[in-house]
Protein backbone atom coordinates (compact mmCIF):
# COMPACT_ATOMS: atom_id res chain seq x y z
CA UNK A 1 0.09 0.04 0.23
CA UNK A 2 2.56 2.38 1.21
CA UNK A 3 5.55 2.58 -0.38
CA UNK A 4 8.44 3.34 2.54
CA UNK A 5 9.85 1.96 5.56
CA UNK A 6 8.04 3.70 8.66
CA UNK A 7 11.32 3.21 10.82
CA UNK A 8 12.70 5.55 8.32
CA UNK A 9 10.33 8.93 9.36
CA UNK A 10 10.29 10.93 12.40
CA UNK A 11 6.94 9.12 13.41
CA UNK A 12 8.19 5.61 13.18
CA UNK A 13 11.23 6.22 15.13
CA UNK A 14 9.28 7.66 18.05
CA UNK A 15 6.86 5.00 18.05
CA UNK A 16 9.66 2.78 18.08
CA UNK A 17 11.27 4.78 20.94
CA UNK A 18 8.29 4.61 23.16
CA UNK A 19 7.62 1.23 22.42
CA UNK A 20 11.53 0.19 23.72
CA UNK A 21 11.25 2.06 26.75
CA UNK A 22 7.81 0.82 27.63
CA UNK A 23 8.99 -2.40 26.98
CA UNK A 24 12.36 -2.02 29.52
CA UNK A 25 9.60 -0.60 32.35
CA UNK A 26 7.97 -3.69 32.29
CA UNK A 27 11.04 -5.70 32.36
CA UNK A 28 12.43 -3.56 35.00
CA UNK A 29 9.62 -3.85 36.77
CA UNK A 30 9.78 -7.61 36.62
CA UNK A 31 12.89 -8.16 37.73
CA UNK A 32 12.89 -6.44 40.94
CA UNK A 33 9.61 -8.63 41.66
CA UNK A 34 11.34 -11.69 40.78
CA UNK A 35 14.78 -10.67 42.90
CA UNK A 36 12.62 -9.49 45.81
CA UNK A 37 11.22 -13.07 45.82
CA UNK A 38 14.15 -14.81 45.14
CA UNK A 39 16.10 -12.98 47.98
CA UNK A 40 13.53 -13.36 50.64
CA UNK A 41 13.41 -16.92 50.03
CA UNK A 42 17.26 -16.95 50.24
CA UNK A 43 17.12 -15.00 53.91
CA UNK A 44 14.41 -17.94 55.02
CA UNK A 45 16.50 -21.00 53.49
CA UNK A 46 19.49 -19.58 55.41
CA UNK A 47 17.99 -19.01 58.43
CA UNK A 48 15.01 -22.30 58.71
CA UNK A 49 17.12 -24.57 56.23
CA UNK A 50 14.82 -26.35 53.61
CA UNK A 51 11.44 -24.65 52.60
CA UNK A 52 8.41 -27.04 51.81
CA UNK A 53 7.68 -26.07 47.84
CA UNK A 54 4.09 -25.74 48.40
CA UNK A 55 5.48 -22.69 50.95
CA UNK A 56 7.87 -21.36 47.97
CA UNK A 57 5.46 -21.66 45.12
CA UNK A 58 3.31 -19.57 47.78
CA UNK A 59 5.57 -16.80 47.85
CA UNK A 60 6.66 -16.89 44.35
CA UNK A 61 3.09 -16.17 43.59
CA UNK A 62 2.46 -13.62 46.30
CA UNK A 63 1.97 -9.68 45.32
CA UNK A 64 4.84 -6.95 45.57
CA UNK A 65 3.25 -5.88 48.59
CA UNK A 66 2.60 -9.19 50.85
CA UNK A 67 6.42 -9.78 49.73
CA UNK A 68 7.17 -5.89 51.24
CA UNK A 69 5.73 -7.07 54.50
CA UNK A 70 7.27 -10.13 54.70
CA UNK A 71 10.60 -8.76 54.43
CA UNK A 72 9.78 -6.18 56.98
CA UNK A 73 8.81 -8.97 59.13
CA UNK A 74 12.01 -11.22 58.36
CA UNK A 75 13.76 -10.55 61.97
CA UNK A 76 10.94 -10.48 64.26
CA UNK A 77 11.01 -14.59 63.41
CA UNK A 78 12.06 -17.14 65.87
CA UNK A 79 11.26 -20.24 64.00
CA UNK A 80 9.92 -21.38 61.07
CA UNK A 81 6.38 -21.75 62.94
CA UNK A 82 6.10 -18.18 63.49
CA UNK A 83 6.78 -17.85 59.10
CA UNK A 84 3.89 -20.09 59.30
CA UNK A 85 1.99 -18.00 61.70
CA UNK A 86 2.78 -14.26 59.91
CA UNK A 87 1.22 -16.09 56.70
CA UNK A 88 -1.32 -17.14 57.63
CA UNK A 89 -2.46 -13.97 59.12
CA UNK A 90 -1.02 -11.72 55.73
CA UNK A 91 -0.18 -14.40 53.36
CA UNK A 92 -1.59 -17.17 52.14
CA UNK A 93 -2.16 -20.43 53.86
CA UNK A 94 0.56 -22.88 53.78
CA UNK A 95 0.08 -26.63 54.48
CA UNK A 96 3.46 -27.36 57.20
């Protein structure tokens, strides 16, 4: 229909840049969330040892808000039972 390459136009270049910036923002957000999950799992494992798979799965599926709350509470836990109790109140129920 048109005999030109959109990427050769100023509008095409601007659209490309907008899409690129949007993609970068989404990727950064995703990696921050994944990093938070992995960091919290690492802390829990180093403090309490191996964690049940269903608990790890619940953490991986949780919201950023829940992860932030969990991170703030990490130093209040004396046992893995404390973690489960917290999770039952603020996260999802975990089978022991």
